[in-house]
Amino acid sequence: MKNPLEKIIRLPYYYVAKCPNCGSYATGRYVKEYRKTEVEWQVDEALKNGELIRMKPDLIGANCFCIDCDKDFSSPVQLKMLPLSEIKAQKRLRHTQEILSERKGDDYHQKKRGVVGLFTNFVGKI
């Protein structure tokens, strides 16, 4: 049974169009880099939300990129309020779950979340 809240709850999502070169949806946007210490955190948080980002010191030139063909392109990036069900679909299209698992380690998505998960993950480290 699907969660009815997935269609009600909406979150901000920066939508990047598919690649004009290869047609892939594994596309993302460039974000201005302010502090080198926050880069990893920002990339991880974007991946958790189904978005792909790369950091640049300045935003001159193309504002989007494609992972599949490794090309940069210019396209309007739209901020949309998407329901959770649509964000899940974007995560599948852009392969962000797999990328986040590679960044964090293979067991990242197998960990339990919440209070019980926090306890069992802590006990598992001892």
Protein backbone atom coordinates (compact mmCIF):
# COMPACT_ATOMS: atom_id res chain seq x y z
CA MET A 1 0.00 0.00 0.00
CA LYS A 2 1.35 3.39 -0.94
CA ASN A 3 1.75 6.11 1.62
CA PRO A 4 -1.00 8.73 1.01
CA LEU A 5 1.29 11.46 2.32
CA GLU A 6 3.61 10.98 -0.68
CA LYS A 7 1.17 12.95 -2.83
CA ILE A 8 0.40 15.58 -0.19
CA ILE A 9 3.83 16.50 1.18
CA ARG A 10 5.79 18.69 -1.22
CA LEU A 11 9.46 19.60 -1.07
CA PRO A 12 11.54 22.10 -3.04
CA TYR A 13 13.30 20.49 -5.99
CA TYR A 14 15.61 22.08 -8.57
CA TYR A 15 14.54 20.51 -11.86
CA VAL A 16 17.14 20.21 -14.63
CA ALA A 17 15.94 19.20 -18.10
CA LYS A 18 17.32 16.17 -19.90
CA CYS A 19 20.62 16.46 -21.75
CA PRO A 20 20.29 18.07 -25.19
CA ASN A 21 23.30 16.07 -26.40
CA CYS A 22 22.44 12.46 -25.43
CA GLY A 23 18.88 12.69 -24.05
CA SER A 24 19.80 11.32 -20.62
CA TYR A 25 18.04 12.47 -17.45
CA ALA A 26 21.23 11.99 -15.40
CA THR A 27 21.70 15.75 -15.42
CA GLY A 28 22.48 18.24 -12.71
CA ARG A 29 23.31 21.85 -12.05
CA TYR A 30 26.36 23.80 -11.00
CA VAL A 31 26.29 25.52 -7.60
CA LYS A 32 28.61 28.29 -6.44
CA GLU A 33 31.24 27.04 -4.01
CA TYR A 34 31.55 29.24 -0.95
CA ARG A 35 33.47 27.07 1.49
CA LYS A 36 35.48 24.00 0.68
CA THR A 37 34.47 22.45 4.00
CA GLU A 38 30.79 22.31 2.99
CA VAL A 39 31.18 20.76 -0.47
CA GLU A 40 30.76 17.11 0.54
CA TRP A 41 27.77 17.90 2.74
CA GLN A 42 26.04 19.90 0.01
CA VAL A 43 26.56 17.18 -2.60
CA ASP A 44 25.25 14.49 -0.23
CA GLU A 45 22.16 16.51 0.72
CA ALA A 46 21.37 17.19 -2.93
CA LEU A 47 21.68 13.47 -3.71
CA LYS A 48 19.33 12.64 -0.85
CA ASN A 49 16.78 14.96 -2.47
CA GLY A 50 17.27 13.38 -5.90
CA GLU A 51 19.36 16.22 -7.31
CA LEU A 52 22.82 16.18 -8.88
CA ILE A 53 25.12 19.13 -8.21
CA ARG A 54 28.74 20.04 -8.84
CA MET A 55 30.52 22.93 -7.20
CA LYS A 56 32.23 25.75 -9.13
CA PRO A 57 34.09 28.77 -7.78
CA ASP A 58 32.15 30.98 -10.19
CA LEU A 59 29.05 30.36 -12.27
CA ILE A 60 30.37 31.65 -15.58
CA GLY A 61 29.46 29.60 -18.65
CA ALA A 62 27.19 26.56 -18.73
CA ASN A 63 25.02 26.04 -15.67
CA CYS A 64 24.15 22.33 -16.16
CA PHE A 65 26.01 19.07 -16.80
CA CYS A 66 25.29 15.51 -17.91
CA ILE A 67 26.86 12.55 -16.15
CA ASP A 68 26.35 10.09 -19.01
CA CYS A 69 28.04 12.04 -21.84
CA ASP A 70 30.09 14.37 -19.55
CA LYS A 71 29.00 17.51 -21.43
CA ASP A 72 28.12 20.92 -20.03
CA PHE A 73 25.11 22.81 -21.33
CA SER A 74 22.99 25.85 -20.54
CA SER A 75 19.37 25.35 -19.53
CA PRO A 76 16.91 27.06 -17.21
CA VAL A 77 16.83 25.38 -13.80
CA GLN A 78 13.38 25.53 -12.27
CA LEU A 79 12.61 25.45 -8.56
CA LYS A 80 9.48 23.32 -8.23
CA MET A 81 7.51 22.11 -5.24
CA LEU A 82 7.24 18.38 -6.01
CA PRO A 83 5.36 15.71 -4.08
CA LEU A 84 7.47 12.96 -2.50
CA SER A 85 6.24 10.46 -5.10
CA GLU A 86 7.62 12.62 -7.93
CA ILE A 87 10.93 13.11 -6.08
CA LYS A 88 11.22 9.31 -5.82
CA ALA A 89 10.71 9.11 -9.58
CA GLN A 90 13.44 11.73 -10.13
CA LYS A 91 15.80 9.73 -7.90
CA ARG A 92 15.29 6.70 -10.15
CA LEU A 93 15.75 8.74 -13.36
CA ARG A 94 18.92 10.44 -12.16
CA HIS A 95 20.38 7.40 -10.29
CA THR A 96 21.03 9.48 -7.18
CA GLN A 97 20.50 6.59 -4.74
CA GLU A 98 23.25 4.57 -6.42
CA ILE A 99 25.61 7.54 -6.52
CA LEU A 100 25.00 8.28 -2.83
CA SER A 101 25.60 4.61 -1.94
CA GLU A 102 28.91 4.70 -3.80
CA ARG A 103 29.93 7.88 -1.99
CA LYS A 104 28.94 6.68 1.47
CA GLY A 105 29.71 2.97 1.16
CA ASP A 106 27.66 -0.03 0.12
CA ASP A 107 25.78 -0.44 3.42
CA TYR A 108 24.54 3.18 3.61
CA HIS A 109 20.97 2.52 2.45
CA GLN A 110 20.71 -0.69 4.46
CA LYS A 111 21.09 1.13 7.78
CA LYS A 112 17.97 1.60 9.83
CA ARG A 113 16.80 5.16 10.38
CA GLY A 114 14.99 6.80 13.28
CA VAL A 115 15.55 6.35 17.02
CA VAL A 116 15.64 2.55 16.86
CA GLY A 117 17.96 2.69 13.87
CA LEU A 118 20.26 5.13 15.67
CA PHE A 119 20.51 2.72 18.60
CA THR A 120 21.03 -0.42 16.48
CA ASN A 121 23.60 1.31 14.26
CA PHE A 122 25.48 2.55 17.34
CA VAL A 123 25.41 -0.87 19.02
CA GLY A 124 26.52 -2.46 15.76
CA LYS A 125 29.70 -0.32 15.83
CA ILE A 126 30.73 -1.53 19.31
